[in-house]
């Protein structure tokens, strides 16, 4: 989240209100769905929220491509955030897999 906020603040992305807001919401959705799911009473419910969080990771990655195509970020910026999002997606998947087996 911190890197996304920095990117928005330091690049032309900050002036693209629609894209900036969508990116911020997708990033926030990842965190909020994990948090909400962790407070549920069953692994099945938690997994539903993890699936939503994983979808938000993919949405965030897609927005990065829109941001580079529209000239709002650079390739190195895309690469860094895409890679970080990929890692988060793998962690979410790993937790989900663990919960399904528990």
C-alpha atoms as a PDB file:
ATOM      1  CA  UNK A   1       0.000   0.000   0.000  1.00  0.00           C
ATOM      2  CA  UNK A   2       2.824   2.341   0.862  1.00  0.00           C
ATOM      3  CA  UNK A   3       4.472   1.886  -2.539  1.00  0.00           C
ATOM      4  CA  UNK A   4       1.171   2.420  -4.335  1.00  0.00           C
ATOM      5  CA  UNK A   5       0.573   5.657  -2.440  1.00  0.00           C
ATOM      6  CA  UNK A   6       4.108   6.812  -3.254  1.00  0.00           C
ATOM      7  CA  UNK A   7       3.618   5.963  -6.934  1.00  0.00           C
ATOM      8  CA  UNK A   8       0.370   7.938  -7.025  1.00  0.00           C
ATOM      9  CA  UNK A   9       2.009  10.898  -5.314  1.00  0.00           C
ATOM     10  CA  UNK A  10       5.179  10.976  -7.441  1.00  0.00           C
ATOM     11  CA  UNK A  11       3.951  10.203 -10.962  1.00  0.00           C
ATOM     12  CA  UNK A  12       1.432  11.595 -13.468  1.00  0.00           C
ATOM     13  CA  UNK A  13      -0.879   8.862 -12.181  1.00  0.00           C
ATOM     14  CA  UNK A  14      -1.809  11.243  -9.368  1.00  0.00           C
ATOM     15  CA  UNK A  15      -3.524  13.527 -11.884  1.00  0.00           C
ATOM     16  CA  UNK A  16      -5.465  10.702 -13.545  1.00  0.00           C
ATOM     17  CA  UNK A  17      -8.279  10.654 -11.003  1.00  0.00           C
ATOM     18  CA  UNK A  18     -10.224   7.668 -12.342  1.00  0.00           C
ATOM     19  CA  UNK A  19      -7.204   5.400 -12.746  1.00  0.00           C
ATOM     20  CA  UNK A  20      -5.613   6.577  -9.500  1.00  0.00           C
ATOM     21  CA  UNK A  21      -8.771   5.948  -7.488  1.00  0.00           C
ATOM     22  CA  UNK A  22      -9.354   2.529  -9.036  1.00  0.00           C
ATOM     23  CA  UNK A  23      -5.765   1.500  -8.295  1.00  0.00           C
ATOM     24  CA  UNK A  24      -6.040   2.706  -4.718  1.00  0.00           C
ATOM     25  CA  UNK A  25      -9.372   0.900  -4.211  1.00  0.00           C
ATOM     26  CA  UNK A  26      -8.016  -2.370  -5.636  1.00  0.00           C
ATOM     27  CA  UNK A  27      -4.977  -2.169  -3.370  1.00  0.00           C
ATOM     28  CA  UNK A  28      -7.117  -1.361  -0.349  1.00  0.00           C
ATOM     29  CA  UNK A  29      -9.545  -4.167  -1.219  1.00  0.00           C
ATOM     30  CA  UNK A  30      -6.747  -6.722  -0.957  1.00  0.00           C
ATOM     31  CA  UNK A  31      -5.964  -5.737   2.610  1.00  0.00           C
ATOM     32  CA  UNK A  32      -9.534  -5.234   3.751  1.00  0.00           C
ATOM     33  CA  UNK A  33     -10.785  -8.567   2.440  1.00  0.00           C
ATOM     34  CA  UNK A  34      -7.955 -10.450   4.138  1.00  0.00           C
ATOM     35  CA  UNK A  35      -8.703  -8.620   7.379  1.00  0.00           C
ATOM     36  CA  UNK A  36     -12.442  -9.190   7.176  1.00  0.00           C
ATOM     37  CA  UNK A  37     -12.037 -12.834   6.216  1.00  0.00           C
ATOM     38  CA  UNK A  38      -9.690 -13.478   9.117  1.00  0.00           C
ATOM     39  CA  UNK A  39     -12.458 -12.437  11.479  1.00  0.00           C
ATOM     40  CA  UNK A  40     -14.938 -14.961  10.119  1.00  0.00           C
ATOM     41  CA  UNK A  41     -15.940 -18.069  11.992  1.00  0.00           C
ATOM     42  CA  UNK A  42     -14.899 -20.715   9.509  1.00  0.00           C
ATOM     43  CA  UNK A  43     -12.121 -21.501   7.075  1.00  0.00           C
ATOM     44  CA  UNK A  44     -14.713 -21.716   4.300  1.00  0.00           C
ATOM     45  CA  UNK A  45     -15.817 -18.128   4.931  1.00  0.00           C
ATOM     46  CA  UNK A  46     -12.219 -16.952   5.229  1.00  0.00           C
ATOM     47  CA  UNK A  47     -11.463 -18.619   1.901  1.00  0.00           C
ATOM     48  CA  UNK A  48     -14.271 -16.698   0.216  1.00  0.00           C
ATOM     49  CA  UNK A  49     -12.682 -13.430   1.293  1.00  0.00           C
ATOM     50  CA  UNK A  50      -9.249 -14.642   0.217  1.00  0.00           C
ATOM     51  CA  UNK A  51     -10.676 -15.368  -3.237  1.00  0.00           C
ATOM     52  CA  UNK A  52     -11.962 -11.805  -3.432  1.00  0.00           C
ATOM     53  CA  UNK A  53      -8.584 -10.476  -2.253  1.00  0.00           C
ATOM     54  CA  UNK A  54      -6.838 -12.558  -4.919  1.00  0.00           C
ATOM     55  CA  UNK A  55      -9.167 -11.097  -7.536  1.00  0.00           C
ATOM     56  CA  UNK A  56      -8.213  -7.623  -6.344  1.00  0.00           C
ATOM     57  CA  UNK A  57      -4.534  -8.514  -6.816  1.00  0.00           C
ATOM     58  CA  UNK A  58      -5.275  -9.350 -10.450  1.00  0.00           C
ATOM     59  CA  UNK A  59      -7.309  -6.158 -10.837  1.00  0.00           C
ATOM     60  CA  UNK A  60      -4.391  -4.142  -9.431  1.00  0.00           C
ATOM     61  CA  UNK A  61      -1.989  -5.793 -11.885  1.00  0.00           C
ATOM     62  CA  UNK A  62      -4.300  -5.017 -14.779  1.00  0.00           C
ATOM     63  CA  UNK A  63      -4.514  -1.378 -13.710  1.00  0.00           C
ATOM     64  CA  UNK A  64      -0.713  -1.231 -13.800  1.00  0.00           C
ATOM     65  CA  UNK A  65      -0.839  -2.133 -17.495  1.00  0.00           C
ATOM     66  CA  UNK A  66      -3.436   0.557 -18.150  1.00  0.00           C
ATOM     67  CA  UNK A  67      -1.228   3.024 -16.260  1.00  0.00           C
ATOM     68  CA  UNK A  68       1.832   2.256 -18.375  1.00  0.00           C
ATOM     69  CA  UNK A  69      -0.147   2.243 -21.618  1.00  0.00           C
ATOM     70  CA  UNK A  70      -1.489   5.691 -20.786  1.00  0.00           C
ATOM     71  CA  UNK A  71       1.998   7.021 -19.955  1.00  0.00           C
ATOM     72  CA  UNK A  72       1.339   7.444 -16.240  1.00  0.00           C
ATOM     73  CA  UNK A  73       4.103   5.122 -14.980  1.00  0.00           C
ATOM     74  CA  UNK A  74       7.363   3.710 -16.289  1.00  0.00           C
ATOM     75  CA  UNK A  75       8.269   0.105 -17.033  1.00  0.00           C
ATOM     76  CA  UNK A  76      10.530  -0.199 -13.958  1.00  0.00           C
ATOM     77  CA  UNK A  77       7.684   1.081 -11.778  1.00  0.00           C
ATOM     78  CA  UNK A  78       5.288  -1.418 -13.326  1.00  0.00           C
ATOM     79  CA  UNK A  79       7.778  -4.248 -12.918  1.00  0.00           C
ATOM     80  CA  UNK A  80       8.378  -3.524  -9.236  1.00  0.00           C
ATOM     81  CA  UNK A  81       4.723  -3.266  -8.267  1.00  0.00           C
ATOM     82  CA  UNK A  82       3.624  -6.144 -10.487  1.00  0.00           C
ATOM     83  CA  UNK A  83       6.240  -8.360  -8.872  1.00  0.00           C
ATOM     84  CA  UNK A  84       5.172  -7.303  -5.370  1.00  0.00           C
ATOM     85  CA  UNK A  85       1.529  -7.984  -6.256  1.00  0.00           C
ATOM     86  CA  UNK A  86       2.518 -11.388  -7.647  1.00  0.00           C
ATOM     87  CA  UNK A  87       4.172 -12.246  -4.344  1.00  0.00           C
ATOM     88  CA  UNK A  88       1.090 -11.154  -2.420  1.00  0.00           C
ATOM     89  CA  UNK A  89      -1.070 -13.260  -4.725  1.00  0.00           C
ATOM     90  CA  UNK A  90       1.113 -16.311  -4.059  1.00  0.00           C
ATOM     91  CA  UNK A  91       0.873 -15.739  -0.306  1.00  0.00           C
ATOM     92  CA  UNK A  92      -2.913 -15.443  -0.492  1.00  0.00           C
ATOM     93  CA  UNK A  93      -3.092 -18.627  -2.569  1.00  0.00           C
ATOM     94  CA  UNK A  94      -0.836 -20.456  -0.106  1.00  0.00           C
ATOM     95  CA  UNK A  95      -2.976 -19.417   2.844  1.00  0.00           C
ATOM     96  CA  UNK A  96      -6.114 -20.430   0.985  1.00  0.00           C
ATOM     97  CA  UNK A  97      -4.640 -23.813   0.131  1.00  0.00           C
ATOM     98  CA  UNK A  98      -3.656 -24.327   3.769  1.00  0.00           C
ATOM     99  CA  UNK A  99      -7.150 -23.423   4.989  1.00  0.00           C
ATOM    100  CA  UNK A 100      -8.762 -25.849   2.531  1.00  0.00           C
ATOM    101  CA  UNK A 101      -6.614 -28.682   3.858  1.00  0.00           C
ATOM    102  CA  UNK A 102      -7.160 -27.871   7.544  1.00  0.00           C
END
